Amino acid sequence: MDIGLQMVFTGYGWKEISDQQVWDEELKIAEIAADSGFDCLWAVEHHFRDYAFCPDNLQLMAYLTAKHPEIDVGTAAVILPWQDPLRVAEKASALDQLSNGRLRLGVGRGLARREFDGFRTTMAESRERFDEAAAMIMESLRSGWMEGEGPHYIQPKVEIRPRPRFPIDGRIYAVASSEESVVSAAKLRARMVMFADRPWPKRLPQIQQHAQLFEEMHGVSGPPPLTADFCVCTSTMDGAEEFSREYMGTFVYSNFEHYELLGDHFSKVKGYDSYAAKIEVAKEVGIEGIIDGFMQAAVWGTPDRILREFEKRRAIIGDFELATSFRFGGTPYEVAEKSIKLFAKEVLPVLKSWKEPEAKQAAE
């Protein structure tokens, strides 16, 4: 099983903490993951606010690929409506050169109105911009050339330099939290990325839809999804639920605040109607109900409990890749450090063994 670290770079939940401290501590967690046998370092893209502030995850990964030469690096995700597609393709190709093919390129279309406003663009165009830019970028990383005829990106045919050296297929990921995004991910031949924010049976229809579309469009079975997780790993269950709920609850509050999830603007913006429907459900169950669902999806407690939860998830959704965050919602560095070290010692080896028998049989 493939297990990565999800880097969030959040200042939300602390009364007094500098941006420098946030970044220093996140990079320390990344070093622990790289030294402990994790497969990939992932990072989000977010701007302007305490919720998360990693404005250029491709730039960050250029640093990490040099510092940690034995681990893959991934973006979860580059938000395409805020970027020029040619520049994304060039930076991705350069990073793939520097990393010797260790880049996993994840893309998304964005959700926060405040971030769209900061980039002087509109959410109403995000679906069209994402689909247009993503197709241009992936084709250019396959062919070495980019061109586009609009309507959003008029791009004369130009060569990508340095020329793409490694096949990008198999290393494409796309955030898929809406029905339209599931379709887009399948068209791109991308693994779908979904966050551990609701019970997994509710995610199953999207996973099945992606698998079906992938096979229909490309004639091969679709790859398993990447689940972006949140974890508090404790040595005992004594107080573990309350302890975990404190940080996971704070993260849920930060999520609602950053994305303005209880606002009415989603119902008025083209392409976000599925979020408007989910908001109505959220209003019915209330914030504590949302936190309850989050606690069911995320993993917390002792290594044994966490492993049982992952087994339950696999029984529901099938095989999956994992990108876990240990520092979120005001989690102190000392707590995150203990959590990832215990996870690496007692959870990671078991997860990595899940497919070893199949691999051995194939080798024989």
Protein backbone atom coordinates (compact mmCIF):
# COMPACT_ATOMS: atom_id res chain seq x y z
CA MET A 1 0.00 0.00 0.00
CA ASP A 2 1.22 3.49 -0.85
CA ILE A 3 1.34 5.86 2.16
CA GLY A 4 2.17 9.55 2.03
CA LEU A 5 2.26 12.59 4.30
CA GLN A 6 -0.18 15.43 3.59
CA MET A 7 1.33 18.83 4.43
CA VAL A 8 -1.25 21.53 5.18
CA PHE A 9 0.74 24.53 6.54
CA THR A 10 -2.01 25.85 8.78
CA GLY A 11 -1.89 28.52 11.46
CA TYR A 12 -5.55 28.08 12.40
CA GLY A 13 -6.14 27.13 16.03
CA TRP A 14 -3.15 28.93 17.58
CA LYS A 15 -3.42 32.29 19.29
CA GLU A 16 0.23 33.18 18.83
CA ILE A 17 2.29 31.45 16.16
CA SER A 18 4.36 32.93 13.37
CA ASP A 19 4.22 31.85 9.75
CA GLN A 20 7.88 30.88 10.07
CA GLN A 21 7.10 28.54 12.95
CA VAL A 22 4.26 26.93 10.98
CA TRP A 23 6.58 26.24 8.05
CA ASP A 24 9.51 25.11 10.21
CA GLU A 25 7.33 22.61 12.07
CA GLU A 26 5.67 21.28 8.93
CA LEU A 27 9.09 20.67 7.37
CA LYS A 28 10.22 18.84 10.51
CA ILE A 29 7.21 16.53 10.18
CA ALA A 30 8.13 15.99 6.51
CA GLU A 31 11.65 15.00 7.52
CA ILE A 32 10.30 12.43 9.96
CA ALA A 33 8.06 10.99 7.23
CA ALA A 34 10.91 10.83 4.72
CA ASP A 35 13.19 9.10 7.24
CA SER A 36 10.47 6.66 8.38
CA GLY A 37 9.62 4.99 5.07
CA PHE A 38 6.64 7.01 3.83
CA ASP A 39 6.26 6.85 0.05
CA CYS A 40 5.39 10.44 -0.82
CA LEU A 41 5.35 13.99 0.54
CA TRP A 42 2.16 15.78 -0.53
CA ALA A 43 1.23 19.45 -0.12
CA VAL A 44 -1.92 21.47 -0.62
CA GLU A 45 -2.16 24.87 -2.35
CA HIS A 46 -3.85 27.61 -0.37
CA HIS A 47 -3.44 31.36 -0.05
CA PHE A 48 -3.82 34.42 2.16
CA ARG A 49 -5.28 33.02 5.39
CA ASP A 50 -4.52 30.97 8.53
CA TYR A 51 -6.53 28.04 7.16
CA ALA A 52 -3.50 27.04 5.07
CA PHE A 53 -0.79 29.00 3.31
CA CYS A 54 1.31 27.04 0.87
CA PRO A 55 1.02 29.32 -2.17
CA ASP A 56 3.23 27.28 -4.53
CA ASN A 57 3.46 23.56 -3.83
CA LEU A 58 5.55 22.92 -6.96
CA GLN A 59 8.18 25.31 -5.63
CA LEU A 60 8.04 23.61 -2.24
CA MET A 61 8.51 20.21 -3.86
CA ALA A 62 11.59 21.42 -5.72
CA TYR A 63 13.12 22.04 -2.30
CA LEU A 64 11.92 18.74 -0.82
CA THR A 65 13.06 16.62 -3.76
CA ALA A 66 16.62 17.84 -3.17
CA LYS A 67 16.46 17.53 0.62
CA HIS A 68 14.87 14.06 0.57
CA PRO A 69 16.10 12.22 -2.55
CA GLU A 70 14.51 8.85 -1.71
CA ILE A 71 10.84 9.84 -1.51
CA ASP A 72 8.25 10.89 -4.10
CA VAL A 73 6.78 14.39 -4.04
CA GLY A 74 3.21 15.32 -4.90
CA THR A 75 0.83 18.23 -5.26
CA ALA A 76 -2.66 17.81 -3.81
CA ALA A 77 -3.33 19.97 -5.58
CA VAL A 78 -2.23 22.70 -8.00
CA ILE A 79 -5.37 24.83 -8.39
CA LEU A 80 -5.55 25.39 -12.13
CA PRO A 81 -8.01 28.30 -12.43
CA TRP A 82 -5.45 30.42 -10.54
CA GLN A 83 -2.55 29.48 -12.84
CA ASP A 84 -1.37 29.86 -16.41
CA PRO A 85 -1.37 26.32 -17.86
CA LEU A 86 1.90 26.84 -19.75
CA ARG A 87 3.71 27.84 -16.57
CA VAL A 88 2.28 24.83 -14.70
CA ALA A 89 3.51 22.48 -17.43
CA GLU A 90 6.97 24.07 -17.50
CA LYS A 91 7.36 23.94 -13.72
CA ALA A 92 6.10 20.35 -13.59
CA SER A 93 8.52 19.28 -16.31
CA ALA A 94 11.42 21.01 -14.56
CA LEU A 95 10.52 19.42 -11.23
CA ASP A 96 10.23 16.00 -12.85
CA GLN A 97 13.74 16.46 -14.23
CA LEU A 98 15.11 17.47 -10.83
CA SER A 99 13.40 14.56 -9.08
CA ASN A 100 14.15 11.92 -11.75
CA GLY A 101 10.47 11.20 -12.28
CA ARG A 102 9.36 11.33 -8.64
CA LEU A 103 6.65 13.96 -9.17
CA ARG A 104 3.00 13.04 -8.71
CA LEU A 105 1.02 15.86 -10.28
CA GLY A 106 -2.30 16.51 -8.56
CA VAL A 107 -4.66 19.22 -9.82
CA GLY A 108 -7.91 20.79 -8.62
CA ARG A 109 -10.31 23.62 -9.44
CA GLY A 110 -10.65 25.40 -6.07
CA LEU A 111 -13.57 26.11 -3.75
CA ALA A 112 -12.86 29.18 -1.61
CA ARG A 113 -14.47 32.40 -2.87
CA ARG A 114 -11.89 34.47 -0.99
CA GLU A 115 -9.03 32.85 -2.89
CA PHE A 116 -10.74 33.35 -6.26
CA ASP A 117 -11.28 37.00 -5.35
CA GLY A 118 -7.61 37.38 -4.45
CA PHE A 119 -6.62 36.20 -7.90
CA ARG A 120 -9.13 38.50 -9.57
CA THR A 121 -11.06 35.63 -11.10
CA THR A 122 -14.46 34.09 -10.62
CA MET A 123 -15.74 30.77 -9.36
CA ALA A 124 -18.30 30.75 -12.18
CA GLU A 125 -15.54 29.97 -14.71
CA SER A 126 -13.67 27.46 -12.59
CA ARG A 127 -15.07 24.27 -14.16
CA GLU A 128 -14.41 25.41 -17.73
CA ARG A 129 -10.96 26.77 -16.84
CA PHE A 130 -10.00 23.61 -14.99
CA ASP A 131 -11.09 21.25 -17.76
CA GLU A 132 -9.44 23.33 -20.47
CA ALA A 133 -6.17 23.88 -18.60
CA ALA A 134 -5.88 20.31 -17.29
CA ALA A 135 -6.25 18.81 -20.77
CA MET A 136 -3.61 21.19 -22.16
CA ILE A 137 -1.15 20.48 -19.34
CA MET A 138 -1.43 16.69 -19.41
CA GLU A 139 -1.20 16.53 -23.20
CA SER A 140 1.88 18.76 -23.14
CA LEU A 141 3.57 16.53 -20.56
CA ARG A 142 2.87 13.56 -22.82
CA SER A 143 3.82 15.12 -26.15
CA GLY A 144 6.29 17.85 -25.16
CA TRP A 145 4.21 20.55 -26.89
CA MET A 146 1.44 22.83 -25.72
CA GLU A 147 -1.20 24.66 -27.67
CA GLY A 148 -4.74 25.82 -27.01
CA GLU A 149 -7.62 27.38 -28.87
CA GLY A 150 -9.60 28.78 -25.94
CA PRO A 151 -12.08 30.00 -24.95
CA HIS A 152 -10.07 30.75 -21.81
CA TYR A 153 -6.53 29.94 -22.94
CA ILE A 154 -5.38 30.94 -26.41
CA GLN A 155 -1.97 29.32 -26.57
CA PRO A 156 0.26 29.31 -29.66
CA LYS A 157 2.03 25.99 -30.13
CA VAL A 158 5.24 25.99 -28.10
CA GLU A 159 7.68 23.33 -26.94
CA ILE A 160 8.00 22.44 -23.26
CA ARG A 161 11.62 22.78 -22.17
CA PRO A 162 13.16 20.95 -20.47
CA ARG A 163 11.41 18.29 -22.52
CA PRO A 164 9.32 15.84 -20.49
CA ARG A 165 11.54 12.82 -19.89
CA PHE A 166 9.32 10.46 -17.90
CA PRO A 167 5.81 9.18 -18.76
CA ILE A 168 3.26 11.17 -16.76
CA ASP A 169 0.45 8.60 -16.98
CA GLY A 170 0.05 6.78 -13.68
CA ARG A 171 1.21 9.89 -11.82
CA ILE A 172 -1.81 12.14 -12.44
CA TYR A 173 -4.20 12.94 -9.59
CA ALA A 174 -7.32 15.13 -9.49
CA VAL A 175 -9.38 16.30 -6.53
CA ALA A 176 -12.91 14.98 -6.99
CA SER A 177 -15.44 16.19 -4.45
CA SER A 178 -18.33 16.76 -6.86
CA GLU A 179 -19.97 14.68 -9.58
CA GLU A 180 -18.51 16.86 -12.33
CA SER A 181 -15.03 16.54 -10.85
CA VAL A 182 -15.33 12.74 -10.88
CA VAL A 183 -16.00 12.89 -14.61
CA SER A 184 -13.11 15.29 -15.15
CA ALA A 185 -10.72 13.03 -13.23
CA ALA A 186 -11.69 10.04 -15.36
CA LYS A 187 -11.17 12.01 -18.59
CA LEU A 188 -7.66 12.98 -17.44
CA ARG A 189 -6.74 9.35 -16.64
CA ALA A 190 -6.22 10.64 -13.10
CA ARG A 191 -6.55 8.99 -9.74
CA MET A 192 -9.29 10.72 -7.81
CA VAL A 193 -8.31 12.50 -4.58
CA MET A 194 -10.90 12.68 -1.81
CA PHE A 195 -10.68 13.97 1.73
CA ALA A 196 -11.58 11.97 4.83
CA ASP A 197 -14.41 14.28 5.83
CA ARG A 198 -17.51 12.04 5.82
CA PRO A 199 -18.34 8.36 6.39
CA TRP A 200 -16.88 6.18 3.64
CA PRO A 201 -20.13 4.53 2.52
CA LYS A 202 -21.18 8.00 1.33
CA ARG A 203 -18.03 8.18 -0.81
CA LEU A 204 -18.50 4.79 -2.42
CA PRO A 205 -20.85 5.91 -5.26
CA GLN A 206 -18.27 8.43 -6.50
CA ILE A 207 -15.49 5.85 -6.37
CA GLN A 208 -17.60 3.39 -8.33
CA GLN A 209 -18.57 6.05 -10.85
CA HIS A 210 -14.91 6.97 -11.42
CA ALA A 211 -13.93 3.34 -11.92
CA GLN A 212 -16.74 2.78 -14.40
CA LEU A 213 -16.01 5.95 -16.38
CA PHE A 214 -12.29 5.27 -16.42
CA GLU A 215 -12.79 1.83 -17.94
CA GLU A 216 -15.37 3.10 -20.45
CA MET A 217 -13.14 5.97 -21.58
CA HIS A 218 -9.75 4.24 -21.60
CA GLY A 219 -10.43 0.51 -21.81
CA VAL A 220 -8.50 -0.36 -18.65
CA SER A 221 -9.38 -0.61 -14.98
CA GLY A 222 -9.19 2.64 -13.08
CA PRO A 223 -6.57 3.12 -10.37
CA PRO A 224 -7.53 3.20 -6.67
CA PRO A 225 -8.28 6.61 -5.14
CA LEU A 226 -6.01 8.65 -2.90
CA THR A 227 -7.66 9.38 0.45
CA ALA A 228 -6.34 12.50 2.17
CA ASP A 229 -6.59 11.72 5.87
CA PHE A 230 -6.27 13.35 9.27
CA CYS A 231 -4.73 11.33 12.08
CA VAL A 232 -4.09 11.48 15.81
CA CYS A 233 -2.19 8.36 16.87
CA THR A 234 -2.05 7.71 20.62
CA SER A 235 -0.41 5.06 22.78
CA THR A 236 -3.62 4.36 24.73
CA MET A 237 -7.33 4.93 24.24
CA ASP A 238 -7.55 6.79 27.55
CA GLY A 239 -9.02 10.14 26.54
CA ALA A 240 -8.09 9.55 22.90
CA GLU A 241 -11.53 10.34 21.48
CA GLU A 242 -11.85 13.64 23.32
CA PHE A 243 -8.25 14.53 22.52
CA SER A 244 -8.72 13.80 18.81
CA ARG A 245 -12.07 15.54 18.64
CA GLU A 246 -10.49 18.74 19.95
CA TYR A 247 -8.18 19.07 16.94
CA MET A 248 -10.46 17.51 14.35
CA GLY A 249 -13.31 19.70 15.53
CA THR A 250 -11.13 22.80 15.24
CA PHE A 251 -10.19 21.76 11.73
CA VAL A 252 -13.85 21.33 10.77
CA TYR A 253 -14.59 24.83 12.10
CA SER A 254 -11.65 26.21 10.10
CA ASN A 255 -12.92 24.43 7.00
CA PHE A 256 -16.37 25.91 7.34
CA GLU A 257 -14.96 29.37 8.00
CA HIS A 258 -12.45 29.37 5.15
CA TYR A 259 -14.83 28.06 2.51
CA GLU A 260 -17.84 29.97 3.88
CA LEU A 261 -19.69 26.67 3.76
CA LEU A 262 -22.82 27.98 5.41
CA GLY A 263 -23.14 30.85 2.94
CA ASP A 264 -25.67 30.93 0.13
CA HIS A 265 -23.25 31.83 -2.67
CA PHE A 266 -22.72 28.21 -3.82
CA SER A 267 -26.32 28.02 -4.98
CA LYS A 268 -25.74 31.12 -7.10
CA VAL A 269 -22.48 30.08 -8.77
CA LYS A 270 -22.39 27.92 -11.88
CA GLY A 271 -20.82 24.52 -11.29
CA TYR A 272 -21.15 24.46 -7.49
CA ASP A 273 -24.74 23.27 -7.14
CA SER A 274 -23.62 19.97 -5.60
CA TYR A 275 -22.01 21.92 -2.75
CA ALA A 276 -25.23 23.87 -2.22
CA ALA A 277 -27.07 20.58 -1.71
CA LYS A 278 -24.46 19.37 0.80
CA ILE A 279 -24.71 22.65 2.70
CA GLU A 280 -28.41 22.10 3.21
CA VAL A 281 -27.64 18.70 4.72
CA ALA A 282 -24.97 20.30 6.93
CA LYS A 283 -27.47 22.85 8.21
CA GLU A 284 -29.81 20.03 9.19
CA VAL A 285 -27.27 18.02 11.20
CA GLY A 286 -25.39 21.03 12.61
CA ILE A 287 -21.69 21.51 13.17
CA GLU A 288 -21.50 18.80 15.84
CA GLY A 289 -23.08 16.35 13.41
CA ILE A 290 -20.48 17.30 10.81
CA ILE A 291 -17.72 16.70 13.34
CA ASP A 292 -19.26 13.31 14.16
CA GLY A 293 -19.09 12.37 10.47
CA PHE A 294 -15.53 13.64 10.24
CA MET A 295 -14.51 11.53 13.24
CA GLN A 296 -15.99 8.48 11.53
CA ALA A 297 -13.97 9.07 8.37
CA ALA A 298 -10.63 10.11 9.86
CA VAL A 299 -8.41 7.83 11.94
CA TRP A 300 -7.53 8.33 15.60
CA GLY A 301 -6.62 6.37 18.68
CA THR A 302 -4.15 3.56 19.19
CA PRO A 303 -2.33 1.88 16.29
CA ASP A 304 -4.61 -1.17 16.66
CA ARG A 305 -7.74 0.95 16.39
CA ILE A 306 -6.37 2.88 13.43
CA LEU A 307 -5.51 -0.34 11.61
CA ARG A 308 -9.01 -1.69 12.22
CA GLU A 309 -10.49 1.51 10.79
CA PHE A 310 -8.32 1.21 7.68
CA GLU A 311 -9.43 -2.42 7.29
CA LYS A 312 -13.06 -1.32 7.51
CA ARG A 313 -12.42 1.36 4.89
CA ARG A 314 -10.80 -1.09 2.52
CA ALA A 315 -13.76 -3.43 2.97
CA ILE A 316 -16.07 -0.60 1.87
CA ILE A 317 -14.17 1.17 -0.93
CA GLY A 318 -11.53 -1.37 -1.96
CA ASP A 319 -7.83 -0.58 -2.34
CA PHE A 320 -6.73 3.00 -1.81
CA GLU A 321 -3.63 5.15 -1.48
CA LEU A 322 -3.16 7.24 1.64
CA ALA A 323 -1.96 10.79 2.35
CA THR A 324 -2.20 11.53 6.05
CA SER A 325 -1.88 14.84 7.89
CA PHE A 326 -0.74 14.83 11.51
CA ARG A 327 -0.68 18.59 12.05
CA PHE A 328 -4.01 20.40 11.65
CA GLY A 329 -6.62 22.28 13.66
CA GLY A 330 -4.12 23.67 16.17
CA THR A 331 -2.36 20.36 16.82
CA PRO A 332 0.82 21.27 18.78
CA TYR A 333 4.05 20.18 17.14
CA GLU A 334 4.90 17.88 20.07
CA VAL A 335 1.59 16.04 19.63
CA ALA A 336 2.03 15.76 15.85
CA GLU A 337 5.60 14.49 16.26
CA LYS A 338 4.60 11.76 18.72
CA SER A 339 1.66 10.85 16.52
CA ILE A 340 3.61 10.39 13.29
CA LYS A 341 6.44 8.52 15.01
CA LEU A 342 4.05 6.05 16.62
CA PHE A 343 2.16 5.70 13.33
CA ALA A 344 5.43 5.07 11.47
CA LYS A 345 6.54 2.45 13.99
CA GLU A 346 3.34 0.43 14.39
CA VAL A 347 0.88 1.31 11.60
CA LEU A 348 3.08 1.93 8.57
CA PRO A 349 4.72 -1.54 8.42
CA VAL A 350 1.35 -3.27 8.56
CA LEU A 351 -0.16 -1.10 5.82
CA LYS A 352 2.87 -1.70 3.61
CA SER A 353 2.46 -5.45 4.03
CA TRP A 354 -1.10 -5.51 2.72
CA LYS A 355 -0.10 -6.28 -0.87
CA GLU A 356 3.20 -8.07 -0.35
CA PRO A 357 1.78 -11.59 -0.86
CA GLU A 358 0.37 -10.58 -4.28
CA ALA A 359 3.68 -9.03 -5.27
CA LYS A 360 5.56 -12.17 -4.27
CA GLN A 361 3.21 -14.39 -6.25
CA ALA A 362 3.64 -12.19 -9.33
CA ALA A 363 7.42 -12.39 -8.97
CA GLU A 364 7.28 -16.19 -8.81
